[in-house]
């Protein structure tokens, strides 16, 4: 998955969420670190290291 595209799609409302598990977090983190609109998205932590990213309202 291209997380840069997914983050932009989430910000633009094209998708509702991005689900990240511990196995794919390193790849996601690289895209997140370069994402200029971090304040437009928030992460919701779940059990077992899973995080769901959604648009911040």
Protein backbone atom coordinates (compact mmCIF):
# COMPACT_ATOMS: atom_id res chain seq x y z
CA UNK A 1 0.00 0.00 0.00
CA UNK A 2 1.20 3.51 -0.78
CA UNK A 3 0.63 5.27 2.54
CA UNK A 4 1.27 8.73 1.11
CA UNK A 5 -1.66 8.28 -1.25
CA UNK A 6 -3.76 6.76 1.54
CA UNK A 7 -3.04 9.70 3.87
CA UNK A 8 -3.99 12.20 1.18
CA UNK A 9 -7.14 10.22 0.35
CA UNK A 10 -8.06 10.20 4.04
CA UNK A 11 -7.49 13.94 4.35
CA UNK A 12 -9.54 14.59 1.20
CA UNK A 13 -12.42 12.39 2.39
CA UNK A 14 -12.01 9.75 -0.32
CA UNK A 15 -11.58 7.07 2.36
CA UNK A 16 -12.81 6.97 5.97
CA UNK A 17 -9.89 5.33 7.76
CA UNK A 18 -6.50 3.69 7.53
CA UNK A 19 -5.91 0.67 9.76
CA UNK A 20 -2.31 0.03 10.75
CA UNK A 21 -0.98 -3.01 12.56
CA UNK A 22 2.48 -3.46 14.09
CA UNK A 23 3.78 -5.32 11.03
CA UNK A 24 3.12 -2.46 8.61
CA UNK A 25 3.77 0.44 11.00
CA UNK A 26 7.41 1.02 9.88
CA UNK A 27 6.29 1.61 6.28
CA UNK A 28 3.44 3.82 7.42
CA UNK A 29 5.73 5.82 9.72
CA UNK A 30 7.95 6.83 6.79
CA UNK A 31 4.97 8.34 4.96
CA UNK A 32 3.58 9.89 8.16
CA UNK A 33 6.87 11.64 8.95
CA UNK A 34 6.77 13.40 5.56
CA UNK A 35 3.02 14.14 5.61
CA UNK A 36 2.50 17.91 5.88
CA UNK A 37 -1.10 17.72 7.14
CA UNK A 38 -0.68 15.64 10.30
CA UNK A 39 -3.03 17.95 12.20
CA UNK A 40 -5.85 16.93 9.82
CA UNK A 41 -5.64 13.28 10.90
CA UNK A 42 -5.74 11.58 14.28
CA UNK A 43 -4.83 8.10 15.38
CA UNK A 44 -7.01 5.95 17.63
CA UNK A 45 -5.06 3.24 19.44
CA UNK A 46 -6.51 -0.24 19.90
CA UNK A 47 -5.36 -3.43 21.58
CA UNK A 48 -2.39 -5.40 20.24
CA UNK A 49 -0.66 -2.38 18.71
CA UNK A 50 -3.29 -1.60 16.12
CA UNK A 51 -4.04 2.04 15.27
CA UNK A 52 -6.85 3.43 13.14
CA UNK A 53 -6.24 6.81 11.52
CA UNK A 54 -9.27 8.99 10.79
CA UNK A 55 -9.91 12.59 9.77
CA UNK A 56 -9.75 15.01 12.68
CA UNK A 57 -12.84 17.18 12.97
